[in-house]
């Protein structure tokens, strides 16, 4: 084992639908969008991450941009492998090495994943020279990242709203007691906004613009204390076909997202209704923790708090809570028995 240890690099990966984050030596070394740009004729990778994101929606016939993950699981095996390889090459400790070191990694997966999808994640890791791969469920990683001691006999509820899935779980004693994985998250919010502007303003916008609207003026409630400024949005007029600009405010976006947020609320209520009474008592005292990029939607915490009647706490850095938890799991790889091989 000694020689193996010498050549082994340890990394923790949050392979997300929207962003992939990698931790190496306790530092986040990769934080990039999960997008790959591929040349159609040669099938060669042109760009990954940020660079490929800038190409999204602006490509010609020879280039296609692929998001290898859909709903939190690998949808395009080859592209996800390309992407992982490129990201791992960017890690400072591995960059420019003569031969690629073998890797020990902890990687997180959605809780509603099937065995086949789990296999795909493992195979992808094996292809990038990972000798020892452990899997951790996303709600567990998020709970650790928020700062909860999950090994205690105490119930905690965590909501992780990512790009592809919303994971809602009650964790205690180092395991998930009850959980629900809802396929409504950041990507669906983005599509809702594009659909709303198409139907109400006859304005056709791309995915990147819709995402920018979500980040700048997105809201979950129509009454906010600190309201964001109205935002000009440019796109194509569906009637005349000309480029045009309109101004949108957060109230409109709150209306556009209402149906999707209702589905998330239903998931939370359903999970609460399945919680054993002793743990429900704990959750009444501790409240609900929220993590993931979707948790940053303005007023979402208030809305869930109002629906459940419980206090809702947002993680310090919601986007990185899951990868931080995965990194802590990597450090305690032998101590945490809930990591799956």
C-alpha atoms as a PDB file:
ATOM      1  CA  UNK A   1       0.000   0.000   0.000  1.00  0.00           C
ATOM      2  CA  UNK A   2       2.959   2.317   0.659  1.00  0.00           C
ATOM      3  CA  UNK A   3       3.938   2.791  -2.991  1.00  0.00           C
ATOM      4  CA  UNK A   4       0.290   3.098  -3.999  1.00  0.00           C
ATOM      5  CA  UNK A   5      -0.146   5.875  -1.429  1.00  0.00           C
ATOM      6  CA  UNK A   6       2.891   7.684  -2.747  1.00  0.00           C
ATOM      7  CA  UNK A   7       1.453   7.992  -6.250  1.00  0.00           C
ATOM      8  CA  UNK A   8      -2.145   8.488  -5.200  1.00  0.00           C
ATOM      9  CA  UNK A   9      -3.929  11.814  -5.273  1.00  0.00           C
ATOM     10  CA  UNK A  10      -7.112  12.235  -3.260  1.00  0.00           C
ATOM     11  CA  UNK A  11      -9.956  14.262  -4.712  1.00  0.00           C
ATOM     12  CA  UNK A  12     -13.602  14.919  -3.859  1.00  0.00           C
ATOM     13  CA  UNK A  13     -16.013  15.594  -6.714  1.00  0.00           C
ATOM     14  CA  UNK A  14     -19.478  17.085  -6.853  1.00  0.00           C
ATOM     15  CA  UNK A  15     -20.536  16.051 -10.342  1.00  0.00           C
ATOM     16  CA  UNK A  16     -23.525  18.321 -10.828  1.00  0.00           C
ATOM     17  CA  UNK A  17     -25.982  18.874 -13.653  1.00  0.00           C
ATOM     18  CA  UNK A  18     -25.065  22.554 -13.832  1.00  0.00           C
ATOM     19  CA  UNK A  19     -21.604  22.800 -12.228  1.00  0.00           C
ATOM     20  CA  UNK A  20     -18.811  20.395 -11.397  1.00  0.00           C
ATOM     21  CA  UNK A  21     -16.647  21.146  -8.360  1.00  0.00           C
ATOM     22  CA  UNK A  22     -13.485  19.346  -7.314  1.00  0.00           C
ATOM     23  CA  UNK A  23     -11.661  19.572  -3.997  1.00  0.00           C
ATOM     24  CA  UNK A  24      -7.971  18.635  -3.746  1.00  0.00           C
ATOM     25  CA  UNK A  25      -5.877  19.219  -0.606  1.00  0.00           C
ATOM     26  CA  UNK A  26      -8.851  20.865   1.156  1.00  0.00           C
ATOM     27  CA  UNK A  27      -9.179  23.532  -1.552  1.00  0.00           C
ATOM     28  CA  UNK A  28     -11.796  23.901  -4.270  1.00  0.00           C
ATOM     29  CA  UNK A  29      -9.563  23.675  -7.339  1.00  0.00           C
ATOM     30  CA  UNK A  30     -12.215  23.276 -10.045  1.00  0.00           C
ATOM     31  CA  UNK A  31     -15.541  25.092 -10.145  1.00  0.00           C
ATOM     32  CA  UNK A  32     -16.825  25.008 -13.705  1.00  0.00           C
ATOM     33  CA  UNK A  33     -20.092  24.588 -15.604  1.00  0.00           C
ATOM     34  CA  UNK A  34     -20.758  20.970 -16.644  1.00  0.00           C
ATOM     35  CA  UNK A  35     -20.718  21.630 -20.377  1.00  0.00           C
ATOM     36  CA  UNK A  36     -18.600  20.185 -23.189  1.00  0.00           C
ATOM     37  CA  UNK A  37     -18.216  21.594 -26.718  1.00  0.00           C
ATOM     38  CA  UNK A  38     -17.521  18.917 -29.338  1.00  0.00           C
ATOM     39  CA  UNK A  39     -16.637  19.163 -33.021  1.00  0.00           C
ATOM     40  CA  UNK A  40     -19.237  17.085 -34.865  1.00  0.00           C
ATOM     41  CA  UNK A  41     -17.054  15.828 -37.721  1.00  0.00           C
ATOM     42  CA  UNK A  42     -13.972  14.822 -35.757  1.00  0.00           C
ATOM     43  CA  UNK A  43     -15.731  14.156 -32.437  1.00  0.00           C
ATOM     44  CA  UNK A  44     -12.885  15.998 -30.689  1.00  0.00           C
ATOM     45  CA  UNK A  45     -13.469  18.086 -27.583  1.00  0.00           C
ATOM     46  CA  UNK A  46     -12.970  21.791 -28.330  1.00  0.00           C
ATOM     47  CA  UNK A  47     -13.737  23.240 -24.910  1.00  0.00           C
ATOM     48  CA  UNK A  48     -15.061  22.335 -21.484  1.00  0.00           C
ATOM     49  CA  UNK A  49     -16.449  24.325 -18.578  1.00  0.00           C
ATOM     50  CA  UNK A  50     -16.590  28.103 -18.717  1.00  0.00           C
ATOM     51  CA  UNK A  51     -15.270  28.305 -22.272  1.00  0.00           C
ATOM     52  CA  UNK A  52     -17.900  25.857 -23.537  1.00  0.00           C
ATOM     53  CA  UNK A  53     -20.620  27.739 -21.658  1.00  0.00           C
ATOM     54  CA  UNK A  54     -19.838  30.907 -23.599  1.00  0.00           C
ATOM     55  CA  UNK A  55     -20.441  28.927 -26.806  1.00  0.00           C
ATOM     56  CA  UNK A  56     -23.816  27.621 -25.626  1.00  0.00           C
ATOM     57  CA  UNK A  57     -26.619  28.692 -27.962  1.00  0.00           C
ATOM     58  CA  UNK A  58     -24.164  30.408 -30.315  1.00  0.00           C
ATOM     59  CA  UNK A  59     -22.744  27.434 -32.220  1.00  0.00           C
ATOM     60  CA  UNK A  60     -22.879  26.586 -35.922  1.00  0.00           C
ATOM     61  CA  UNK A  61     -23.514  23.155 -37.442  1.00  0.00           C
ATOM     62  CA  UNK A  62     -19.993  21.831 -36.890  1.00  0.00           C
ATOM     63  CA  UNK A  63     -19.950  22.429 -33.133  1.00  0.00           C
ATOM     64  CA  UNK A  64     -22.363  21.088 -30.559  1.00  0.00           C
ATOM     65  CA  UNK A  65     -22.469  21.846 -26.856  1.00  0.00           C
ATOM     66  CA  UNK A  66     -23.489  18.976 -24.610  1.00  0.00           C
ATOM     67  CA  UNK A  67     -24.456  18.912 -20.969  1.00  0.00           C
ATOM     68  CA  UNK A  68     -23.412  15.360 -20.089  1.00  0.00           C
ATOM     69  CA  UNK A  69     -25.588  15.214 -16.968  1.00  0.00           C
ATOM     70  CA  UNK A  70     -29.337  15.375 -16.882  1.00  0.00           C
ATOM     71  CA  UNK A  71     -31.438  15.297 -13.706  1.00  0.00           C
ATOM     72  CA  UNK A  72     -28.304  14.687 -11.663  1.00  0.00           C
ATOM     73  CA  UNK A  73     -27.259  11.519 -13.491  1.00  0.00           C
ATOM     74  CA  UNK A  74     -24.974  10.805 -16.432  1.00  0.00           C
ATOM     75  CA  UNK A  75     -26.924  11.040 -19.686  1.00  0.00           C
ATOM     76  CA  UNK A  76     -24.002  11.058 -22.116  1.00  0.00           C
ATOM     77  CA  UNK A  77     -21.321   8.656 -20.989  1.00  0.00           C
ATOM     78  CA  UNK A  78     -18.574   9.647 -23.444  1.00  0.00           C
ATOM     79  CA  UNK A  79     -18.999  13.380 -22.924  1.00  0.00           C
ATOM     80  CA  UNK A  80     -18.992  13.024 -19.135  1.00  0.00           C
ATOM     81  CA  UNK A  81     -15.760  11.062 -19.354  1.00  0.00           C
ATOM     82  CA  UNK A  82     -14.172  13.753 -21.578  1.00  0.00           C
ATOM     83  CA  UNK A  83     -15.297  16.389 -19.136  1.00  0.00           C
ATOM     84  CA  UNK A  84     -13.988  14.604 -16.031  1.00  0.00           C
ATOM     85  CA  UNK A  85     -10.637  13.959 -17.719  1.00  0.00           C
ATOM     86  CA  UNK A  86     -10.251  17.626 -18.670  1.00  0.00           C
ATOM     87  CA  UNK A  87     -11.240  18.870 -15.212  1.00  0.00           C
ATOM     88  CA  UNK A  88      -8.857  16.467 -13.477  1.00  0.00           C
ATOM     89  CA  UNK A  89      -6.042  17.681 -15.750  1.00  0.00           C
ATOM     90  CA  UNK A  90      -6.653  21.209 -14.431  1.00  0.00           C
ATOM     91  CA  UNK A  91      -5.946  20.268 -10.792  1.00  0.00           C
ATOM     92  CA  UNK A  92      -2.690  21.970  -9.722  1.00  0.00           C
ATOM     93  CA  UNK A  93      -1.219  18.876  -8.028  1.00  0.00           C
ATOM     94  CA  UNK A  94      -1.846  16.719 -11.094  1.00  0.00           C
ATOM     95  CA  UNK A  95      -1.177  19.263 -13.836  1.00  0.00           C
ATOM     96  CA  UNK A  96       1.915  18.648 -15.924  1.00  0.00           C
ATOM     97  CA  UNK A  97       2.765  15.308 -14.288  1.00  0.00           C
ATOM     98  CA  UNK A  98       4.637  12.910 -16.547  1.00  0.00           C
ATOM     99  CA  UNK A  99       2.112  10.114 -16.003  1.00  0.00           C
ATOM    100  CA  UNK A 100      -1.327  10.576 -14.536  1.00  0.00           C
ATOM    101  CA  UNK A 101      -1.420   9.508 -10.868  1.00  0.00           C
ATOM    102  CA  UNK A 102      -3.981   7.009  -9.649  1.00  0.00           C
ATOM    103  CA  UNK A 103      -6.822   8.678  -7.798  1.00  0.00           C
ATOM    104  CA  UNK A 104      -8.757   7.972  -4.673  1.00  0.00           C
ATOM    105  CA  UNK A 105     -12.040   9.800  -4.872  1.00  0.00           C
ATOM    106  CA  UNK A 106     -15.319  10.419  -3.152  1.00  0.00           C
ATOM    107  CA  UNK A 107     -18.048  11.456  -5.547  1.00  0.00           C
ATOM    108  CA  UNK A 108     -21.618  12.402  -4.722  1.00  0.00           C
ATOM    109  CA  UNK A 109     -24.768  11.045  -6.344  1.00  0.00           C
ATOM    110  CA  UNK A 110     -28.484  11.908  -6.063  1.00  0.00           C
ATOM    111  CA  UNK A 111     -30.422   9.852  -3.542  1.00  0.00           C
ATOM    112  CA  UNK A 112     -33.020   8.721  -6.078  1.00  0.00           C
ATOM    113  CA  UNK A 113     -30.411   7.113  -8.351  1.00  0.00           C
ATOM    114  CA  UNK A 114     -30.796   3.618  -9.848  1.00  0.00           C
ATOM    115  CA  UNK A 115     -28.147   0.885  -9.798  1.00  0.00           C
ATOM    116  CA  UNK A 116     -27.461   1.351 -13.521  1.00  0.00           C
ATOM    117  CA  UNK A 117     -26.877   5.088 -13.069  1.00  0.00           C
ATOM    118  CA  UNK A 118     -24.615   4.373 -10.094  1.00  0.00           C
ATOM    119  CA  UNK A 119     -22.642   1.976 -12.299  1.00  0.00           C
ATOM    120  CA  UNK A 120     -22.223   4.707 -14.940  1.00  0.00           C
ATOM    121  CA  UNK A 121     -20.682   7.062 -12.359  1.00  0.00           C
ATOM    122  CA  UNK A 122     -18.283   4.352 -11.174  1.00  0.00           C
ATOM    123  CA  UNK A 123     -17.283   3.413 -14.722  1.00  0.00           C
ATOM    124  CA  UNK A 124     -16.649   7.059 -15.605  1.00  0.00           C
ATOM    125  CA  UNK A 125     -14.357   7.327 -12.577  1.00  0.00           C
ATOM    126  CA  UNK A 126     -12.542   4.099 -13.433  1.00  0.00           C
ATOM    127  CA  UNK A 127     -11.824   5.475 -16.920  1.00  0.00           C
ATOM    128  CA  UNK A 128     -10.046   8.508 -15.445  1.00  0.00           C
ATOM    129  CA  UNK A 129      -7.686   6.257 -13.456  1.00  0.00           C
ATOM    130  CA  UNK A 130      -9.533   6.160 -10.132  1.00  0.00           C
ATOM    131  CA  UNK A 131      -8.461   3.101  -8.170  1.00  0.00           C
ATOM    132  CA  UNK A 132     -10.605   3.631  -5.088  1.00  0.00           C
ATOM    133  CA  UNK A 133     -14.023   5.219  -5.615  1.00  0.00           C
ATOM    134  CA  UNK A 134     -16.531   5.854  -2.833  1.00  0.00           C
ATOM    135  CA  UNK A 135     -20.007   7.241  -3.389  1.00  0.00           C
ATOM    136  CA  UNK A 136     -21.912   9.495  -1.033  1.00  0.00           C
ATOM    137  CA  UNK A 137     -25.536  10.549  -1.331  1.00  0.00           C
ATOM    138  CA  UNK A 138     -25.950  14.257  -2.049  1.00  0.00           C
ATOM    139  CA  UNK A 139     -28.213  15.081   0.935  1.00  0.00           C
ATOM    140  CA  UNK A 140     -25.619  13.484   3.244  1.00  0.00           C
ATOM    141  CA  UNK A 141     -22.815  15.514   1.652  1.00  0.00           C
ATOM    142  CA  UNK A 142     -24.921  18.679   1.877  1.00  0.00           C
ATOM    143  CA  UNK A 143     -25.692  17.998   5.554  1.00  0.00           C
ATOM    144  CA  UNK A 144     -21.990  17.534   6.350  1.00  0.00           C
ATOM    145  CA  UNK A 145     -21.145  20.660   4.326  1.00  0.00           C
ATOM    146  CA  UNK A 146     -23.707  22.763   6.206  1.00  0.00           C
ATOM    147  CA  UNK A 147     -21.978  21.738   9.427  1.00  0.00           C
ATOM    148  CA  UNK A 148     -24.360  19.135  10.848  1.00  0.00           C
ATOM    149  CA  UNK A 149     -22.847  16.257  12.810  1.00  0.00           C
ATOM    150  CA  UNK A 150     -24.755  13.518  11.019  1.00  0.00           C
ATOM    151  CA  UNK A 151     -23.431  10.642  13.131  1.00  0.00           C
ATOM    152  CA  UNK A 152     -25.459  11.826  16.163  1.00  0.00           C
ATOM    153  CA  UNK A 153     -28.806  10.188  17.025  1.00  0.00           C
ATOM    154  CA  UNK A 154     -30.537  13.424  16.156  1.00  0.00           C
ATOM    155  CA  UNK A 155     -32.750  14.187  13.170  1.00  0.00           C
ATOM    156  CA  UNK A 156     -31.899  16.962  10.725  1.00  0.00           C
ATOM    157  CA  UNK A 157     -33.699  17.944   7.559  1.00  0.00           C
ATOM    158  CA  UNK A 158     -31.775  19.113   4.538  1.00  0.00           C
ATOM    159  CA  UNK A 159     -33.049  20.465   1.216  1.00  0.00           C
ATOM    160  CA  UNK A 160     -30.474  20.538  -1.565  1.00  0.00           C
ATOM    161  CA  UNK A 161     -31.710  22.358  -4.665  1.00  0.00           C
ATOM    162  CA  UNK A 162     -29.220  21.758  -7.453  1.00  0.00           C
ATOM    163  CA  UNK A 163     -29.442  22.165 -11.210  1.00  0.00           C
ATOM    164  CA  UNK A 164     -31.173  18.910 -12.102  1.00  0.00           C
ATOM    165  CA  UNK A 165     -32.717  17.617  -8.883  1.00  0.00           C
ATOM    166  CA  UNK A 166     -33.966  18.804  -5.528  1.00  0.00           C
ATOM    167  CA  UNK A 167     -32.952  16.391  -2.802  1.00  0.00           C
ATOM    168  CA  UNK A 168     -34.998  16.489   0.382  1.00  0.00           C
ATOM    169  CA  UNK A 169     -33.893  14.206   3.196  1.00  0.00           C
ATOM    170  CA  UNK A 170     -34.029  13.602   6.916  1.00  0.00           C
ATOM    171  CA  UNK A 171     -30.658  12.347   8.155  1.00  0.00           C
ATOM    172  CA  UNK A 172     -29.719  10.792  11.499  1.00  0.00           C
ATOM    173  CA  UNK A 173     -27.087   8.343  12.782  1.00  0.00           C
ATOM    174  CA  UNK A 174     -25.039   8.624   9.587  1.00  0.00           C
ATOM    175  CA  UNK A 175     -27.848   7.537   7.304  1.00  0.00           C
ATOM    176  CA  UNK A 176     -30.879   8.790   5.396  1.00  0.00           C
ATOM    177  CA  UNK A 177     -34.120   7.999   7.224  1.00  0.00           C
ATOM    178  CA  UNK A 178     -36.547   9.253   4.591  1.00  0.00           C
ATOM    179  CA  UNK A 179     -35.938  11.149   1.411  1.00  0.00           C
ATOM    180  CA  UNK A 180     -37.505  12.446  -1.744  1.00  0.00           C
ATOM    181  CA  UNK A 181     -35.770  13.354  -4.972  1.00  0.00           C
ATOM    182  CA  UNK A 182     -37.783  15.834  -7.059  1.00  0.00           C
ATOM    183  CA  UNK A 183     -36.706  16.473 -10.633  1.00  0.00           C
ATOM    184  CA  UNK A 184     -37.515  20.154 -10.309  1.00  0.00           C
ATOM    185  CA  UNK A 185     -34.560  22.423  -9.661  1.00  0.00           C
ATOM    186  CA  UNK A 186     -32.482  25.223 -11.181  1.00  0.00           C
ATOM    187  CA  UNK A 187     -32.793  24.035 -14.791  1.00  0.00           C
ATOM    188  CA  UNK A 188     -36.569  23.871 -14.579  1.00  0.00           C
ATOM    189  CA  UNK A 189     -36.629  27.383 -13.069  1.00  0.00           C
ATOM    190  CA  UNK A 190     -34.602  28.594 -16.055  1.00  0.00           C
ATOM    191  CA  UNK A 191     -37.007  26.948 -18.525  1.00  0.00           C
ATOM    192  CA  UNK A 192     -40.004  28.392 -16.649  1.00  0.00           C
ATOM    193  CA  UNK A 193     -38.610  31.897 -17.093  1.00  0.00           C
ATOM    194  CA  UNK A 194     -37.984  31.395 -20.817  1.00  0.00           C
ATOM    195  CA  UNK A 195     -41.511  29.991 -21.234  1.00  0.00           C
ATOM    196  CA  UNK A 196     -43.078  32.875 -19.299  1.00  0.00           C
ATOM    197  CA  UNK A 197     -41.346  35.524 -21.415  1.00  0.00           C
ATOM    198  CA  UNK A 198     -42.326  33.641 -24.574  1.00  0.00           C
ATOM    199  CA  UNK A 199     -46.011  33.438 -23.645  1.00  0.00           C
ATOM    200  CA  UNK A 200     -46.470  36.795 -21.894  1.00  0.00           C
ATOM    201  CA  UNK A 201     -44.110  39.072 -23.807  1.00  0.00           C
ATOM    202  CA  UNK A 202     -43.681  37.233 -27.127  1.00  0.00           C
ATOM    203  CA  UNK A 203     -39.960  37.355 -26.465  1.00  0.00           C
ATOM    204  CA  UNK A 204     -37.847  34.355 -27.380  1.00  0.00           C
ATOM    205  CA  UNK A 205     -34.705  34.106 -25.236  1.00  0.00           C
ATOM    206  CA  UNK A 206     -31.912  31.552 -24.971  1.00  0.00           C
ATOM    207  CA  UNK A 207     -31.038  29.408 -21.983  1.00  0.00           C
ATOM    208  CA  UNK A 208     -28.085  31.572 -20.952  1.00  0.00           C
ATOM    209  CA  UNK A 209     -30.181  34.743 -20.912  1.00  0.00           C
ATOM    210  CA  UNK A 210     -32.931  33.001 -18.939  1.00  0.00           C
ATOM    211  CA  UNK A 211     -30.351  31.880 -16.405  1.00  0.00           C
ATOM    212  CA  UNK A 212     -29.037  35.424 -16.076  1.00  0.00           C
ATOM    213  CA  UNK A 213     -32.581  36.671 -15.434  1.00  0.00           C
ATOM    214  CA  UNK A 214     -33.001  33.972 -12.763  1.00  0.00           C
ATOM    215  CA  UNK A 215     -29.807  35.016 -10.987  1.00  0.00           C
ATOM    216  CA  UNK A 216     -30.366  38.780 -11.200  1.00  0.00           C
ATOM    217  CA  UNK A 217     -34.109  39.150 -10.567  1.00  0.00           C
ATOM    218  CA  UNK A 218     -35.282  35.644  -9.641  1.00  0.00           C
ATOM    219  CA  UNK A 219     -37.614  35.415  -6.641  1.00  0.00           C
ATOM    220  CA  UNK A 220     -39.961  32.940  -5.009  1.00  0.00           C
ATOM    221  CA  UNK A 221     -42.318  35.447  -3.387  1.00  0.00           C
ATOM    222  CA  UNK A 222     -43.985  38.555  -4.772  1.00  0.00           C
ATOM    223  CA  UNK A 223     -43.211  40.703  -1.729  1.00  0.00           C
ATOM    224  CA  UNK A 224     -39.522  41.140  -0.947  1.00  0.00           C
ATOM    225  CA  UNK A 225     -37.864  43.408   1.612  1.00  0.00           C
ATOM    226  CA  UNK A 226     -34.792  44.082  -0.504  1.00  0.00           C
ATOM    227  CA  UNK A 227     -36.154  44.006  -4.022  1.00  0.00           C
ATOM    228  CA  UNK A 228     -33.679  43.678  -6.913  1.00  0.00           C
ATOM    229  CA  UNK A 229     -33.758  46.335  -9.655  1.00  0.00           C
ATOM    230  CA  UNK A 230     -35.749  45.684 -12.810  1.00  0.00           C
ATOM    231  CA  UNK A 231     -33.676  44.094 -15.534  1.00  0.00           C
ATOM    232  CA  UNK A 232     -33.568  44.722 -19.293  1.00  0.00           C
ATOM    233  CA  UNK A 233     -33.775  41.478 -21.283  1.00  0.00           C
ATOM    234  CA  UNK A 234     -32.926  41.163 -24.958  1.00  0.00           C
ATOM    235  CA  UNK A 235     -34.119  38.467 -27.309  1.00  0.00           C
ATOM    236  CA  UNK A 236     -36.095  37.906 -30.508  1.00  0.00           C
ATOM    237  CA  UNK A 237     -39.625  39.152 -30.978  1.00  0.00           C
ATOM    238  CA  UNK A 238     -41.780  36.169 -31.962  1.00  0.00           C
ATOM    239  CA  UNK A 239     -44.217  38.266 -33.978  1.00  0.00           C
ATOM    240  CA  UNK A 240     -41.934  40.510 -36.020  1.00  0.00           C
ATOM    241  CA  UNK A 241     -38.800  38.363 -35.855  1.00  0.00           C
ATOM    242  CA  UNK A 242     -36.730  41.430 -34.909  1.00  0.00           C
ATOM    243  CA  UNK A 243     -34.423  41.635 -31.887  1.00  0.00           C
ATOM    244  CA  UNK A 244     -36.106  43.517 -29.034  1.00  0.00           C
ATOM    245  CA  UNK A 245     -35.656  44.472 -25.406  1.00  0.00           C
ATOM    246  CA  UNK A 246     -38.135  44.400 -22.530  1.00  0.00           C
ATOM    247  CA  UNK A 247     -37.830  45.103 -18.803  1.00  0.00           C
ATOM    248  CA  UNK A 248     -38.788  42.443 -16.283  1.00  0.00           C
ATOM    249  CA  UNK A 249     -39.220  42.728 -12.525  1.00  0.00           C
ATOM    250  CA  UNK A 250     -38.945  40.142  -9.776  1.00  0.00           C
ATOM    251  CA  UNK A 251     -42.737  39.890  -9.271  1.00  0.00           C
ATOM    252  CA  UNK A 252     -43.177  38.537 -12.794  1.00  0.00           C
ATOM    253  CA  UNK A 253     -40.434  35.977 -12.237  1.00  0.00           C
ATOM    254  CA  UNK A 254     -42.021  34.925  -8.933  1.00  0.00           C
ATOM    255  CA  UNK A 255     -45.260  34.261 -10.841  1.00  0.00           C
ATOM    256  CA  UNK A 256     -43.358  32.345 -13.532  1.00  0.00           C
ATOM    257  CA  UNK A 257     -41.706  30.066 -10.956  1.00  0.00           C
ATOM    258  CA  UNK A 258     -44.752  29.582  -8.736  1.00  0.00           C
ATOM    259  CA  UNK A 259     -45.853  26.152 -10.053  1.00  0.00           C
ATOM    260  CA  UNK A 260     -42.376  24.626  -9.822  1.00  0.00           C
ATOM    261  CA  UNK A 261     -41.828  25.921  -6.296  1.00  0.00           C
ATOM    262  CA  UNK A 262     -45.179  24.431  -5.278  1.00  0.00           C
ATOM    263  CA  UNK A 263     -43.862  21.032  -6.387  1.00  0.00           C
ATOM    264  CA  UNK A 264     -40.774  21.468  -4.197  1.00  0.00           C
ATOM    265  CA  UNK A 265     -42.992  22.492  -1.259  1.00  0.00           C
ATOM    266  CA  UNK A 266     -45.076  19.362  -1.796  1.00  0.00           C
ATOM    267  CA  UNK A 267     -41.904  17.258  -1.704  1.00  0.00           C
ATOM    268  CA  UNK A 268     -40.883  18.862   1.586  1.00  0.00           C
ATOM    269  CA  UNK A 269     -44.335  18.274   3.113  1.00  0.00           C
ATOM    270  CA  UNK A 270     -44.352  14.666   1.917  1.00  0.00           C
ATOM    271  CA  UNK A 271     -40.928  13.992   3.467  1.00  0.00           C
ATOM    272  CA  UNK A 272     -42.052  15.587   6.739  1.00  0.00           C
ATOM    273  CA  UNK A 273     -45.146  13.397   6.775  1.00  0.00           C
ATOM    274  CA  UNK A 274     -42.978  10.248   6.471  1.00  0.00           C
ATOM    275  CA  UNK A 275     -40.608  11.270   9.271  1.00  0.00           C
ATOM    276  CA  UNK A 276     -40.740   9.113  12.425  1.00  0.00           C
ATOM    277  CA  UNK A 277     -42.174  11.099  15.380  1.00  0.00           C
ATOM    278  CA  UNK A 278     -38.956  11.188  17.442  1.00  0.00           C
ATOM    279  CA  UNK A 279     -37.059  12.709  14.514  1.00  0.00           C
ATOM    280  CA  UNK A 280     -39.939  15.066  13.760  1.00  0.00           C
ATOM    281  CA  UNK A 281     -39.522  16.401  17.308  1.00  0.00           C
ATOM    282  CA  UNK A 282     -35.816  17.018  16.604  1.00  0.00           C
ATOM    283  CA  UNK A 283     -36.599  18.826  13.355  1.00  0.00           C
ATOM    284  CA  UNK A 284     -39.101  21.037  15.184  1.00  0.00           C
ATOM    285  CA  UNK A 285     -36.222  22.188  17.375  1.00  0.00           C
ATOM    286  CA  UNK A 286     -33.445  22.388  14.762  1.00  0.00           C
ATOM    287  CA  UNK A 287     -35.380  23.608  11.727  1.00  0.00           C
ATOM    288  CA  UNK A 288     -34.619  22.929   8.071  1.00  0.00           C
ATOM    289  CA  UNK A 289     -31.279  23.519   6.315  1.00  0.00           C
ATOM    290  CA  UNK A 290     -31.071  24.575   2.688  1.00  0.00           C
ATOM    291  CA  UNK A 291     -28.126  24.198   0.308  1.00  0.00           C
ATOM    292  CA  UNK A 292     -27.414  24.144  -3.433  1.00  0.00           C
ATOM    293  CA  UNK A 293     -27.537  26.909  -6.035  1.00  0.00           C
ATOM    294  CA  UNK A 294     -31.341  26.905  -6.236  1.00  0.00           C
ATOM    295  CA  UNK A 295     -31.523  27.741  -2.525  1.00  0.00           C
ATOM    296  CA  UNK A 296     -30.173  31.207  -3.386  1.00  0.00           C
ATOM    297  CA  UNK A 297     -33.472  32.147  -5.051  1.00  0.00           C
ATOM    298  CA  UNK A 298     -34.686  35.249  -3.208  1.00  0.00           C
ATOM    299  CA  UNK A 299     -37.439  34.567  -0.687  1.00  0.00           C
ATOM    300  CA  UNK A 300     -37.440  30.782  -1.140  1.00  0.00           C
ATOM    301  CA  UNK A 301     -36.405  30.223   2.475  1.00  0.00           C
ATOM    302  CA  UNK A 302     -39.276  32.462   3.687  1.00  0.00           C
ATOM    303  CA  UNK A 303     -41.715  30.602   1.487  1.00  0.00           C
ATOM    304  CA  UNK A 304     -40.722  27.145   2.726  1.00  0.00           C
ATOM    305  CA  UNK A 305     -40.675  28.458   6.298  1.00  0.00           C
ATOM    306  CA  UNK A 306     -44.223  29.769   5.868  1.00  0.00           C
ATOM    307  CA  UNK A 307     -45.420  26.482   4.378  1.00  0.00           C
ATOM    308  CA  UNK A 308     -43.860  24.227   7.040  1.00  0.00           C
ATOM    309  CA  UNK A 309     -44.044  26.562  10.039  1.00  0.00           C
ATOM    310  CA  UNK A 310     -40.402  25.746  10.784  1.00  0.00           C
ATOM    311  CA  UNK A 311     -37.318  27.979  10.745  1.00  0.00           C
ATOM    312  CA  UNK A 312     -35.280  27.599   7.522  1.00  0.00           C
ATOM    313  CA  UNK A 313     -31.518  28.214   7.491  1.00  0.00           C
ATOM    314  CA  UNK A 314     -29.490  28.844   4.366  1.00  0.00           C
ATOM    315  CA  UNK A 315     -25.950  27.403   4.159  1.00  0.00           C
ATOM    316  CA  UNK A 316     -23.088  29.939   4.201  1.00  0.00           C
ATOM    317  CA  UNK A 317     -21.973  29.197   0.660  1.00  0.00           C
ATOM    318  CA  UNK A 318     -24.900  27.204  -0.761  1.00  0.00           C
ATOM    319  CA  UNK A 319     -23.197  26.442  -4.091  1.00  0.00           C
ATOM    320  CA  UNK A 320     -20.245  24.769  -2.399  1.00  0.00           C
ATOM    321  CA  UNK A 321     -21.942  23.090   0.572  1.00  0.00           C
ATOM    322  CA  UNK A 322     -22.183  19.704  -1.175  1.00  0.00           C
ATOM    323  CA  UNK A 323     -18.586  19.626  -2.383  1.00  0.00           C
ATOM    324  CA  UNK A 324     -17.382  20.809   1.022  1.00  0.00           C
ATOM    325  CA  UNK A 325     -19.245  17.918   2.652  1.00  0.00           C
ATOM    326  CA  UNK A 326     -17.771  15.526   0.089  1.00  0.00           C
ATOM    327  CA  UNK A 327     -14.307  16.876   0.939  1.00  0.00           C
ATOM    328  CA  UNK A 328     -14.866  16.236   4.652  1.00  0.00           C
ATOM    329  CA  UNK A 329     -16.036  12.709   3.801  1.00  0.00           C
ATOM    330  CA  UNK A 330     -12.801  12.214   1.845  1.00  0.00           C
ATOM    331  CA  UNK A 331     -10.743  13.156   4.924  1.00  0.00           C
ATOM    332  CA  UNK A 332     -12.750  10.695   7.054  1.00  0.00           C
ATOM    333  CA  UNK A 333     -12.920   8.010   4.380  1.00  0.00           C
ATOM    334  CA  UNK A 334     -12.219   5.207   6.877  1.00  0.00           C
ATOM    335  CA  UNK A 335     -14.350   6.625   9.688  1.00  0.00           C
ATOM    336  CA  UNK A 336     -17.547   7.276   7.725  1.00  0.00           C
ATOM    337  CA  UNK A 337     -19.112   3.864   7.260  1.00  0.00           C
ATOM    338  CA  UNK A 338     -21.958   5.168   5.094  1.00  0.00           C
ATOM    339  CA  UNK A 339     -19.711   5.778   2.057  1.00  0.00           C
ATOM    340  CA  UNK A 340     -20.591   3.249  -0.640  1.00  0.00           C
ATOM    341  CA  UNK A 341     -17.989   1.302  -2.560  1.00  0.00           C
END
